[in-house]
C-alpha atoms as a PDB file:
ATOM      1  CA  UNK A   1     189.730 -34.090 138.274  1.00  0.00           C
ATOM      2  CA  UNK A   2     187.137 -35.548 135.898  1.00  0.00           C
ATOM      3  CA  UNK A   3     188.196 -36.783 132.461  1.00  0.00           C
ATOM      4  CA  UNK A   4     186.987 -35.423 129.151  1.00  0.00           C
ATOM      5  CA  UNK A   5     187.202 -36.282 125.463  1.00  0.00           C
ATOM      6  CA  UNK A   6     186.986 -33.837 122.564  1.00  0.00           C
ATOM      7  CA  UNK A   7     185.542 -34.264 119.073  1.00  0.00           C
ATOM      8  CA  UNK A   8     186.311 -31.592 116.471  1.00  0.00           C
ATOM      9  CA  UNK A   9     184.747 -31.744 112.992  1.00  0.00           C
ATOM     10  CA  UNK A  10     186.723 -29.528 110.582  1.00  0.00           C
ATOM     11  CA  UNK A  11     186.409 -28.597 106.933  1.00  0.00           C
ATOM     12  CA  UNK A  12     188.905 -26.260 105.267  1.00  0.00           C
ATOM     13  CA  UNK A  13     190.055 -24.636 108.521  1.00  0.00           C
ATOM     14  CA  UNK A  14     193.723 -24.462 107.516  1.00  0.00           C
ATOM     15  CA  UNK A  15     193.911 -20.722 108.112  1.00  0.00           C
ATOM     16  CA  UNK A  16     192.998 -20.987 111.807  1.00  0.00           C
ATOM     17  CA  UNK A  17     193.225 -24.588 112.962  1.00  0.00           C
ATOM     18  CA  UNK A  18     196.819 -24.462 114.184  1.00  0.00           C
ATOM     19  CA  UNK A  19     195.754 -21.985 116.884  1.00  0.00           C
ATOM     20  CA  UNK A  20     193.082 -24.424 118.052  1.00  0.00           C
ATOM     21  CA  UNK A  21     195.633 -27.249 118.111  1.00  0.00           C
ATOM     22  CA  UNK A  22     198.031 -25.103 120.131  1.00  0.00           C
ATOM     23  CA  UNK A  23     195.255 -24.213 122.591  1.00  0.00           C
ATOM     24  CA  UNK A  24     194.245 -27.837 123.192  1.00  0.00           C
ATOM     25  CA  UNK A  25     197.802 -29.162 123.441  1.00  0.00           C
ATOM     26  CA  UNK A  26     198.722 -26.514 126.026  1.00  0.00           C
ATOM     27  CA  UNK A  27     195.822 -27.263 128.405  1.00  0.00           C
ATOM     28  CA  UNK A  28     196.717 -27.673 132.066  1.00  0.00           C
ATOM     29  CA  UNK A  29     194.262 -30.588 132.149  1.00  0.00           C
ATOM     30  CA  UNK A  30     194.513 -32.455 128.853  1.00  0.00           C
ATOM     31  CA  UNK A  31     191.774 -34.663 127.371  1.00  0.00           C
ATOM     32  CA  UNK A  32     192.046 -38.426 127.430  1.00  0.00           C
ATOM     33  CA  UNK A  33     191.407 -38.282 123.678  1.00  0.00           C
ATOM     34  CA  UNK A  34     190.904 -35.709 120.950  1.00  0.00           C
ATOM     35  CA  UNK A  35     189.342 -36.992 117.742  1.00  0.00           C
ATOM     36  CA  UNK A  36     189.673 -34.615 114.799  1.00  0.00           C
ATOM     37  CA  UNK A  37     187.299 -35.427 111.951  1.00  0.00           C
ATOM     38  CA  UNK A  38     188.390 -33.973 108.620  1.00  0.00           C
ATOM     39  CA  UNK A  39     185.142 -33.552 106.691  1.00  0.00           C
ATOM     40  CA  UNK A  40     186.646 -33.541 103.197  1.00  0.00           C
ATOM     41  CA  UNK A  41     189.043 -30.587 103.439  1.00  0.00           C
ATOM     42  CA  UNK A  42     190.879 -29.438 100.299  1.00  0.00           C
ATOM     43  CA  UNK A  43     193.291 -26.981 101.964  1.00  0.00           C
ATOM     44  CA  UNK A  44     196.129 -27.470 104.464  1.00  0.00           C
ATOM     45  CA  UNK A  45     193.861 -28.891 107.194  1.00  0.00           C
ATOM     46  CA  UNK A  46     194.858 -32.565 106.612  1.00  0.00           C
ATOM     47  CA  UNK A  47     198.557 -31.705 106.963  1.00  0.00           C
ATOM     48  CA  UNK A  48     197.954 -29.852 110.244  1.00  0.00           C
ATOM     49  CA  UNK A  49     196.018 -32.839 111.577  1.00  0.00           C
ATOM     50  CA  UNK A  50     198.712 -35.314 110.506  1.00  0.00           C
ATOM     51  CA  UNK A  51     201.397 -33.311 112.284  1.00  0.00           C
ATOM     52  CA  UNK A  52     199.357 -33.105 115.497  1.00  0.00           C
ATOM     53  CA  UNK A  53     198.645 -36.854 115.427  1.00  0.00           C
ATOM     54  CA  UNK A  54     202.330 -37.650 114.957  1.00  0.00           C
ATOM     55  CA  UNK A  55     203.272 -35.565 117.992  1.00  0.00           C
ATOM     56  CA  UNK A  56     200.599 -36.630 120.492  1.00  0.00           C
ATOM     57  CA  UNK A  57     199.359 -40.188 121.043  1.00  0.00           C
ATOM     58  CA  UNK A  58     196.021 -38.980 122.432  1.00  0.00           C
ATOM     59  CA  UNK A  59     195.108 -37.135 119.205  1.00  0.00           C
ATOM     60  CA  UNK A  60     193.327 -39.267 116.613  1.00  0.00           C
ATOM     61  CA  UNK A  61     192.278 -38.498 113.042  1.00  0.00           C
ATOM     62  CA  UNK A  62     189.269 -39.528 110.999  1.00  0.00           C
ATOM     63  CA  UNK A  63     189.133 -38.675 107.296  1.00  0.00           C
ATOM     64  CA  UNK A  64     185.821 -38.339 105.443  1.00  0.00           C
ATOM     65  CA  UNK A  65     185.571 -38.069 101.667  1.00  0.00           C
ATOM     66  CA  UNK A  66     184.647 -34.708 100.186  1.00  0.00           C
ATOM     67  CA  UNK A  67     180.916 -34.567  99.450  1.00  0.00           C
ATOM     68  CA  UNK A  68     181.565 -31.510  97.282  1.00  0.00           C
ATOM     69  CA  UNK A  69     179.503 -29.012  99.267  1.00  0.00           C
ATOM     70  CA  UNK A  70     178.835 -27.723 102.773  1.00  0.00           C
ATOM     71  CA  UNK A  71     175.882 -29.531 104.362  1.00  0.00           C
ATOM     72  CA  UNK A  72     174.424 -27.029 106.797  1.00  0.00           C
ATOM     73  CA  UNK A  73     173.496 -28.326 110.236  1.00  0.00           C
ATOM     74  CA  UNK A  74     173.440 -32.023 109.486  1.00  0.00           C
ATOM     75  CA  UNK A  75     176.918 -32.308 107.965  1.00  0.00           C
ATOM     76  CA  UNK A  76     178.748 -31.316 111.124  1.00  0.00           C
ATOM     77  CA  UNK A  77     176.738 -33.810 113.199  1.00  0.00           C
ATOM     78  CA  UNK A  78     177.419 -36.641 110.754  1.00  0.00           C
ATOM     79  CA  UNK A  79     181.133 -35.855 111.056  1.00  0.00           C
ATOM     80  CA  UNK A  80     180.821 -35.572 114.834  1.00  0.00           C
ATOM     81  CA  UNK A  81     179.327 -39.054 115.117  1.00  0.00           C
ATOM     82  CA  UNK A  82     182.126 -40.579 113.050  1.00  0.00           C
ATOM     83  CA  UNK A  83     184.463 -39.215 115.684  1.00  0.00           C
ATOM     84  CA  UNK A  84     182.197 -40.296 118.528  1.00  0.00           C
ATOM     85  CA  UNK A  85     182.564 -43.907 117.447  1.00  0.00           C
ATOM     86  CA  UNK A  86     186.258 -43.687 118.366  1.00  0.00           C
ATOM     87  CA  UNK A  87     185.692 -42.565 121.970  1.00  0.00           C
ATOM     88  CA  UNK A  88     182.268 -43.994 122.855  1.00  0.00           C
ATOM     89  CA  UNK A  89     183.703 -46.819 124.960  1.00  0.00           C
ATOM     90  CA  UNK A  90     186.370 -44.700 126.655  1.00  0.00           C
ATOM     91  CA  UNK A  91     185.991 -43.794 130.362  1.00  0.00           C
ATOM     92  CA  UNK A  92     185.273 -40.083 129.867  1.00  0.00           C
ATOM     93  CA  UNK A  93     183.089 -38.112 132.255  1.00  0.00           C
ATOM     94  CA  UNK A  94     182.510 -35.207 129.862  1.00  0.00           C
ATOM     95  CA  UNK A  95     182.174 -34.997 126.090  1.00  0.00           C
ATOM     96  CA  UNK A  96     183.256 -31.849 124.260  1.00  0.00           C
ATOM     97  CA  UNK A  97     182.170 -30.706 120.802  1.00  0.00           C
ATOM     98  CA  UNK A  98     184.790 -28.126 119.818  1.00  0.00           C
ATOM     99  CA  UNK A  99     185.091 -26.108 116.603  1.00  0.00           C
ATOM    100  CA  UNK A 100     188.379 -25.751 114.749  1.00  0.00           C
ATOM    101  CA  UNK A 101     188.538 -21.939 114.636  1.00  0.00           C
ATOM    102  CA  UNK A 102     188.923 -21.120 118.341  1.00  0.00           C
ATOM    103  CA  UNK A 103     191.740 -20.108 120.644  1.00  0.00           C
ATOM    104  CA  UNK A 104     191.502 -20.105 124.438  1.00  0.00           C
ATOM    105  CA  UNK A 105     193.466 -19.966 127.680  1.00  0.00           C
ATOM    106  CA  UNK A 106     195.614 -22.828 128.977  1.00  0.00           C
ATOM    107  CA  UNK A 107     193.277 -23.279 131.947  1.00  0.00           C
ATOM    108  CA  UNK A 108     190.051 -23.245 129.898  1.00  0.00           C
ATOM    109  CA  UNK A 109     189.045 -26.887 130.362  1.00  0.00           C
ATOM    110  CA  UNK A 110     190.310 -27.019 133.931  1.00  0.00           C
ATOM    111  CA  UNK A 111     188.087 -24.026 134.720  1.00  0.00           C
ATOM    112  CA  UNK A 112     185.115 -25.525 132.869  1.00  0.00           C
ATOM    113  CA  UNK A 113     185.365 -28.803 134.772  1.00  0.00           C
ATOM    114  CA  UNK A 114     185.474 -26.825 138.012  1.00  0.00           C
ATOM    115  CA  UNK A 115     182.152 -25.202 137.052  1.00  0.00           C
ATOM    116  CA  UNK A 116     180.557 -28.623 136.596  1.00  0.00           C
ATOM    117  CA  UNK A 117     182.000 -29.772 139.932  1.00  0.00           C
ATOM    118  CA  UNK A 118     180.249 -26.872 141.671  1.00  0.00           C
ATOM    119  CA  UNK A 119     176.827 -27.602 140.121  1.00  0.00           C
ATOM    120  CA  UNK A 120     175.808 -31.255 139.978  1.00  0.00           C
ATOM    121  CA  UNK A 121     172.668 -30.372 137.978  1.00  0.00           C
ATOM    122  CA  UNK A 122     174.663 -28.643 135.253  1.00  0.00           C
ATOM    123  CA  UNK A 123     174.282 -30.896 132.230  1.00  0.00           C
ATOM    124  CA  UNK A 124     175.629 -28.778 129.358  1.00  0.00           C
ATOM    125  CA  UNK A 125     178.029 -25.848 129.622  1.00  0.00           C
ATOM    126  CA  UNK A 126     180.781 -23.947 127.861  1.00  0.00           C
ATOM    127  CA  UNK A 127     182.497 -20.594 127.587  1.00  0.00           C
ATOM    128  CA  UNK A 128     181.342 -17.438 125.828  1.00  0.00           C
ATOM    129  CA  UNK A 129     182.432 -16.828 122.229  1.00  0.00           C
ATOM    130  CA  UNK A 130     184.138 -13.547 121.327  1.00  0.00           C
ATOM    131  CA  UNK A 131     185.385 -12.164 117.997  1.00  0.00           C
ATOM    132  CA  UNK A 132     187.571  -9.309 116.850  1.00  0.00           C
ATOM    133  CA  UNK A 133     185.661  -6.456 115.233  1.00  0.00           C
ATOM    134  CA  UNK A 134     187.393  -3.325 113.993  1.00  0.00           C
ATOM    135  CA  UNK A 135     190.225  -3.700 116.476  1.00  0.00           C
ATOM    136  CA  UNK A 136     187.994  -4.504 119.465  1.00  0.00           C
ATOM    137  CA  UNK A 137     187.114  -7.859 121.020  1.00  0.00           C
ATOM    138  CA  UNK A 138     183.319  -8.202 121.238  1.00  0.00           C
ATOM    139  CA  UNK A 139     180.971 -10.981 122.271  1.00  0.00           C
ATOM    140  CA  UNK A 140     179.524 -12.946 119.375  1.00  0.00           C
ATOM    141  CA  UNK A 141     175.706 -13.190 119.554  1.00  0.00           C
ATOM    142  CA  UNK A 142     175.281 -11.415 122.913  1.00  0.00           C
ATOM    143  CA  UNK A 143     171.501 -11.666 122.629  1.00  0.00           C
ATOM    144  CA  UNK A 144     171.391 -15.451 123.002  1.00  0.00           C
ATOM    145  CA  UNK A 145     169.064 -16.740 125.745  1.00  0.00           C
ATOM    146  CA  UNK A 146     170.820 -17.578 128.994  1.00  0.00           C
ATOM    147  CA  UNK A 147     170.216 -21.342 128.713  1.00  0.00           C
ATOM    148  CA  UNK A 148     172.042 -21.479 125.380  1.00  0.00           C
ATOM    149  CA  UNK A 149     175.584 -22.809 125.032  1.00  0.00           C
ATOM    150  CA  UNK A 150     177.187 -22.146 121.685  1.00  0.00           C
ATOM    151  CA  UNK A 151     177.602 -25.177 119.467  1.00  0.00           C
ATOM    152  CA  UNK A 152     181.249 -24.257 118.935  1.00  0.00           C
ATOM    153  CA  UNK A 153     182.168 -25.185 122.519  1.00  0.00           C
ATOM    154  CA  UNK A 154     179.649 -27.538 124.098  1.00  0.00           C
ATOM    155  CA  UNK A 155     180.572 -29.699 127.070  1.00  0.00           C
ATOM    156  CA  UNK A 156     178.164 -32.517 127.991  1.00  0.00           C
ATOM    157  CA  UNK A 157     178.106 -34.338 131.308  1.00  0.00           C
ATOM    158  CA  UNK A 158     178.067 -38.035 130.381  1.00  0.00           C
ATOM    159  CA  UNK A 159     174.820 -38.879 132.152  1.00  0.00           C
ATOM    160  CA  UNK A 160     173.156 -35.863 130.507  1.00  0.00           C
ATOM    161  CA  UNK A 161     174.431 -36.907 127.090  1.00  0.00           C
ATOM    162  CA  UNK A 162     172.967 -40.354 127.590  1.00  0.00           C
ATOM    163  CA  UNK A 163     169.647 -39.033 128.901  1.00  0.00           C
ATOM    164  CA  UNK A 164     169.021 -36.679 125.945  1.00  0.00           C
ATOM    165  CA  UNK A 165     169.847 -39.440 123.470  1.00  0.00           C
ATOM    166  CA  UNK A 166     172.595 -37.571 121.627  1.00  0.00           C
ATOM    167  CA  UNK A 167     172.242 -34.960 118.875  1.00  0.00           C
ATOM    168  CA  UNK A 168     169.771 -34.448 116.037  1.00  0.00           C
ATOM    169  CA  UNK A 169     171.410 -34.442 112.610  1.00  0.00           C
ATOM    170  CA  UNK A 170     169.737 -31.254 111.378  1.00  0.00           C
ATOM    171  CA  UNK A 171     169.898 -27.468 111.743  1.00  0.00           C
ATOM    172  CA  UNK A 172     168.816 -26.575 115.265  1.00  0.00           C
ATOM    173  CA  UNK A 173     170.687 -29.424 116.957  1.00  0.00           C
ATOM    174  CA  UNK A 174     172.465 -26.991 119.283  1.00  0.00           C
ATOM    175  CA  UNK A 175     169.189 -25.719 120.720  1.00  0.00           C
ATOM    176  CA  UNK A 176     167.284 -28.995 120.817  1.00  0.00           C
ATOM    177  CA  UNK A 177     169.937 -30.714 122.936  1.00  0.00           C
ATOM    178  CA  UNK A 178     169.899 -28.130 125.714  1.00  0.00           C
ATOM    179  CA  UNK A 179     166.122 -27.610 125.692  1.00  0.00           C
ATOM    180  CA  UNK A 180     165.643 -31.362 126.069  1.00  0.00           C
ATOM    181  CA  UNK A 181     168.185 -31.388 128.881  1.00  0.00           C
ATOM    182  CA  UNK A 182     166.189 -28.679 130.686  1.00  0.00           C
ATOM    183  CA  UNK A 183     162.972 -30.606 130.069  1.00  0.00           C
ATOM    184  CA  UNK A 184     164.575 -33.587 131.811  1.00  0.00           C
ATOM    185  CA  UNK A 185     165.597 -31.516 134.823  1.00  0.00           C
ATOM    186  CA  UNK A 186     169.168 -30.508 133.928  1.00  0.00           C
ATOM    187  CA  UNK A 187     170.574 -26.993 133.843  1.00  0.00           C
ATOM    188  CA  UNK A 188     172.376 -25.527 130.826  1.00  0.00           C
ATOM    189  CA  UNK A 189     174.254 -22.238 130.616  1.00  0.00           C
ATOM    190  CA  UNK A 190     177.408 -20.619 129.319  1.00  0.00           C
ATOM    191  CA  UNK A 191     180.141 -19.364 131.606  1.00  0.00           C
ATOM    192  CA  UNK A 192     180.301 -15.573 131.472  1.00  0.00           C
ATOM    193  CA  UNK A 193     183.841 -15.426 132.891  1.00  0.00           C
ATOM    194  CA  UNK A 194     185.384 -17.968 130.487  1.00  0.00           C
ATOM    195  CA  UNK A 195     186.021 -16.598 127.005  1.00  0.00           C
ATOM    196  CA  UNK A 196     187.103 -18.168 123.732  1.00  0.00           C
ATOM    197  CA  UNK A 197     188.242 -16.161 120.720  1.00  0.00           C
ATOM    198  CA  UNK A 198     186.570 -17.176 117.474  1.00  0.00           C
ATOM    199  CA  UNK A 199     189.021 -16.552 114.649  1.00  0.00           C
ATOM    200  CA  UNK A 200     186.347 -16.024 112.015  1.00  0.00           C
ATOM    201  CA  UNK A 201     182.813 -14.672 112.248  1.00  0.00           C
ATOM    202  CA  UNK A 202     179.868 -17.019 112.769  1.00  0.00           C
ATOM    203  CA  UNK A 203     178.350 -17.990 109.432  1.00  0.00           C
ATOM    204  CA  UNK A 204     181.182 -16.482 107.396  1.00  0.00           C
ATOM    205  CA  UNK A 205     181.658 -19.716 105.445  1.00  0.00           C
ATOM    206  CA  UNK A 206     178.098 -19.501 104.094  1.00  0.00           C
ATOM    207  CA  UNK A 207     177.552 -15.731 103.994  1.00  0.00           C
ATOM    208  CA  UNK A 208     175.165 -13.648 106.103  1.00  0.00           C
ATOM    209  CA  UNK A 209     171.994 -14.417 104.125  1.00  0.00           C
ATOM    210  CA  UNK A 210     172.474 -18.193 104.063  1.00  0.00           C
ATOM    211  CA  UNK A 211     173.422 -18.194 107.732  1.00  0.00           C
ATOM    212  CA  UNK A 212     170.238 -16.384 108.818  1.00  0.00           C
ATOM    213  CA  UNK A 213     168.155 -18.527 106.472  1.00  0.00           C
ATOM    214  CA  UNK A 214     169.677 -21.590 108.134  1.00  0.00           C
ATOM    215  CA  UNK A 215     168.862 -20.204 111.585  1.00  0.00           C
ATOM    216  CA  UNK A 216     165.239 -19.641 110.626  1.00  0.00           C
ATOM    217  CA  UNK A 217     164.999 -23.169 109.250  1.00  0.00           C
ATOM    218  CA  UNK A 218     166.579 -24.479 112.457  1.00  0.00           C
ATOM    219  CA  UNK A 219     163.890 -22.701 114.496  1.00  0.00           C
ATOM    220  CA  UNK A 220     161.214 -24.318 112.333  1.00  0.00           C
ATOM    221  CA  UNK A 221     162.717 -27.800 112.728  1.00  0.00           C
ATOM    222  CA  UNK A 222     162.941 -27.265 116.495  1.00  0.00           C
ATOM    223  CA  UNK A 223     159.202 -26.519 116.580  1.00  0.00           C
ATOM    224  CA  UNK A 224     159.285 -22.853 117.616  1.00  0.00           C
ATOM    225  CA  UNK A 225     155.888 -21.262 118.203  1.00  0.00           C
ATOM    226  CA  UNK A 226     154.896 -19.040 115.207  1.00  0.00           C
ATOM    227  CA  UNK A 227     153.993 -16.093 117.465  1.00  0.00           C
ATOM    228  CA  UNK A 228     157.325 -16.308 119.281  1.00  0.00           C
ATOM    229  CA  UNK A 229     159.099 -16.462 115.912  1.00  0.00           C
ATOM    230  CA  UNK A 230     157.228 -13.414 114.620  1.00  0.00           C
ATOM    231  CA  UNK A 231     158.240 -11.394 117.668  1.00  0.00           C
ATOM    232  CA  UNK A 232     161.825 -12.642 117.317  1.00  0.00           C
ATOM    233  CA  UNK A 233     161.965 -11.447 113.705  1.00  0.00           C
ATOM    234  CA  UNK A 234     160.550  -8.036 114.638  1.00  0.00           C
ATOM    235  CA  UNK A 235     163.101  -7.621 117.414  1.00  0.00           C
ATOM    236  CA  UNK A 236     165.941  -8.767 115.161  1.00  0.00           C
ATOM    237  CA  UNK A 237     165.054  -6.168 112.500  1.00  0.00           C
ATOM    238  CA  UNK A 238     166.380  -3.433 114.809  1.00  0.00           C
ATOM    239  CA  UNK A 239     169.834  -5.039 115.125  1.00  0.00           C
ATOM    240  CA  UNK A 240     172.671  -5.435 112.640  1.00  0.00           C
ATOM    241  CA  UNK A 241     172.620  -6.593 109.941  1.00  0.00           C
ATOM    242  CA  UNK A 242     169.416  -4.559 109.627  1.00  0.00           C
ATOM    243  CA  UNK A 243     166.737  -6.257 107.566  1.00  0.00           C
ATOM    244  CA  UNK A 244     168.891  -9.152 106.355  1.00  0.00           C
ATOM    245  CA  UNK A 245     168.793 -11.094 109.630  1.00  0.00           C
ATOM    246  CA  UNK A 246     165.052 -10.653 110.233  1.00  0.00           C
ATOM    247  CA  UNK A 247     164.135 -11.473 106.631  1.00  0.00           C
ATOM    248  CA  UNK A 248     166.431 -14.484 106.586  1.00  0.00           C
ATOM    249  CA  UNK A 249     164.957 -15.819 109.838  1.00  0.00           C
ATOM    250  CA  UNK A 250     161.382 -15.313 108.598  1.00  0.00           C
ATOM    251  CA  UNK A 251     162.088 -16.865 105.190  1.00  0.00           C
ATOM    252  CA  UNK A 252     163.834 -19.894 106.637  1.00  0.00           C
ATOM    253  CA  UNK A 253     161.050 -20.450 109.152  1.00  0.00           C
ATOM    254  CA  UNK A 254     158.051 -19.876 106.871  1.00  0.00           C
ATOM    255  CA  UNK A 255     159.382 -21.927 103.959  1.00  0.00           C
ATOM    256  CA  UNK A 256     159.642 -24.871 106.335  1.00  0.00           C
ATOM    257  CA  UNK A 257     155.840 -24.946 106.284  1.00  0.00           C
ATOM    258  CA  UNK A 258     155.636 -24.437 102.508  1.00  0.00           C
ATOM    259  CA  UNK A 259     158.112 -27.246 101.807  1.00  0.00           C
ATOM    260  CA  UNK A 260     156.597 -29.472 104.507  1.00  0.00           C
ATOM    261  CA  UNK A 261     159.993 -30.138 106.014  1.00  0.00           C
ATOM    262  CA  UNK A 262     159.985 -32.649 108.852  1.00  0.00           C
ATOM    263  CA  UNK A 263     160.363 -31.354 112.378  1.00  0.00           C
ATOM    264  CA  UNK A 264     162.222 -33.043 115.199  1.00  0.00           C
ATOM    265  CA  UNK A 265     160.375 -36.344 115.819  1.00  0.00           C
ATOM    266  CA  UNK A 266     159.701 -35.589 119.492  1.00  0.00           C
ATOM    267  CA  UNK A 267     156.185 -34.190 120.104  1.00  0.00           C
ATOM    268  CA  UNK A 268     156.778 -33.866 123.858  1.00  0.00           C
ATOM    269  CA  UNK A 269     159.864 -31.734 123.240  1.00  0.00           C
ATOM    270  CA  UNK A 270     158.023 -29.468 120.789  1.00  0.00           C
ATOM    271  CA  UNK A 271     155.182 -29.013 123.296  1.00  0.00           C
ATOM    272  CA  UNK A 272     157.735 -28.105 125.968  1.00  0.00           C
ATOM    273  CA  UNK A 273     159.465 -25.578 123.687  1.00  0.00           C
ATOM    274  CA  UNK A 274     156.193 -23.893 122.736  1.00  0.00           C
ATOM    275  CA  UNK A 275     154.966 -23.810 126.325  1.00  0.00           C
ATOM    276  CA  UNK A 276     158.199 -22.145 127.423  1.00  0.00           C
ATOM    277  CA  UNK A 277     157.967 -19.600 124.610  1.00  0.00           C
ATOM    278  CA  UNK A 278     154.332 -18.747 125.361  1.00  0.00           C
ATOM    279  CA  UNK A 279     155.222 -18.358 129.026  1.00  0.00           C
ATOM    280  CA  UNK A 280     157.919 -15.897 128.005  1.00  0.00           C
ATOM    281  CA  UNK A 281     155.480 -13.887 125.873  1.00  0.00           C
ATOM    282  CA  UNK A 282     153.008 -13.797 128.768  1.00  0.00           C
ATOM    283  CA  UNK A 283     155.669 -12.686 131.236  1.00  0.00           C
ATOM    284  CA  UNK A 284     155.727 -15.983 133.129  1.00  0.00           C
ATOM    285  CA  UNK A 285     158.749 -18.000 134.217  1.00  0.00           C
ATOM    286  CA  UNK A 286     160.466 -19.435 131.165  1.00  0.00           C
ATOM    287  CA  UNK A 287     163.777 -20.697 129.814  1.00  0.00           C
ATOM    288  CA  UNK A 288     163.863 -17.689 127.515  1.00  0.00           C
ATOM    289  CA  UNK A 289     163.430 -15.333 130.433  1.00  0.00           C
ATOM    290  CA  UNK A 290     165.917 -16.943 132.790  1.00  0.00           C
ATOM    291  CA  UNK A 291     168.646 -14.706 134.157  1.00  0.00           C
ATOM    292  CA  UNK A 292     172.212 -15.247 132.943  1.00  0.00           C
ATOM    293  CA  UNK A 293     174.816 -17.078 135.007  1.00  0.00           C
END
């Protein structure tokens, strides 16, 4: 069985983090290392981390000072890389970026590694995220394109990680990594039969408006084609939350131009993204039109 290492950036996850700890500790195939990066928490998160570290030699803690605010997109990647420094030289085959508000089955990572073993071109994978809504368990963001793997549970094959050059410290990092992997000939997809329960809703820490604004800005930074973005906003206006999501996406995207915010410094990647999106609009083969796994 291949080895894997986990990095988990957390900030004020005291309400849910113990369930994530319990899920990781109970895995049938445990990681060679789990680095938990406390990004300036002011709740019970540091105490939960300290207890876990004292009980398991393969769990390591990194403490960052409190910057005083949530830094959308880039903050989590800065914290991630502080943790990455602890495991970079370790002999892991797979690198996991895992959020601190998830619970999952004891065989989750064993099953994920089996998926990679069956597809040697699979570069990035992970399970599907579900949440509880009014007493029912529903998939979170079911409209995501099939190549997308949620940033909450990304697993990178080591050679893929090295070939894409790591992560961009900005909103949109969790799309840019997998699009670049596809550009380089890798496959990326989530595993429809492996589910994780997210213990709070996506974007709840920032509120719905700020979350959709962030997503629109992320699409701008990633270099999305304006026509594709317009169609995306129109389509999103017919789904909940009605109006808020579409307006937030459009505002975040359009103000990127007005504020002259820098895009990802990879012209070849932006050309690839836009070509794929135009192909999708024209009904041609495209990442955005690929069938789900």
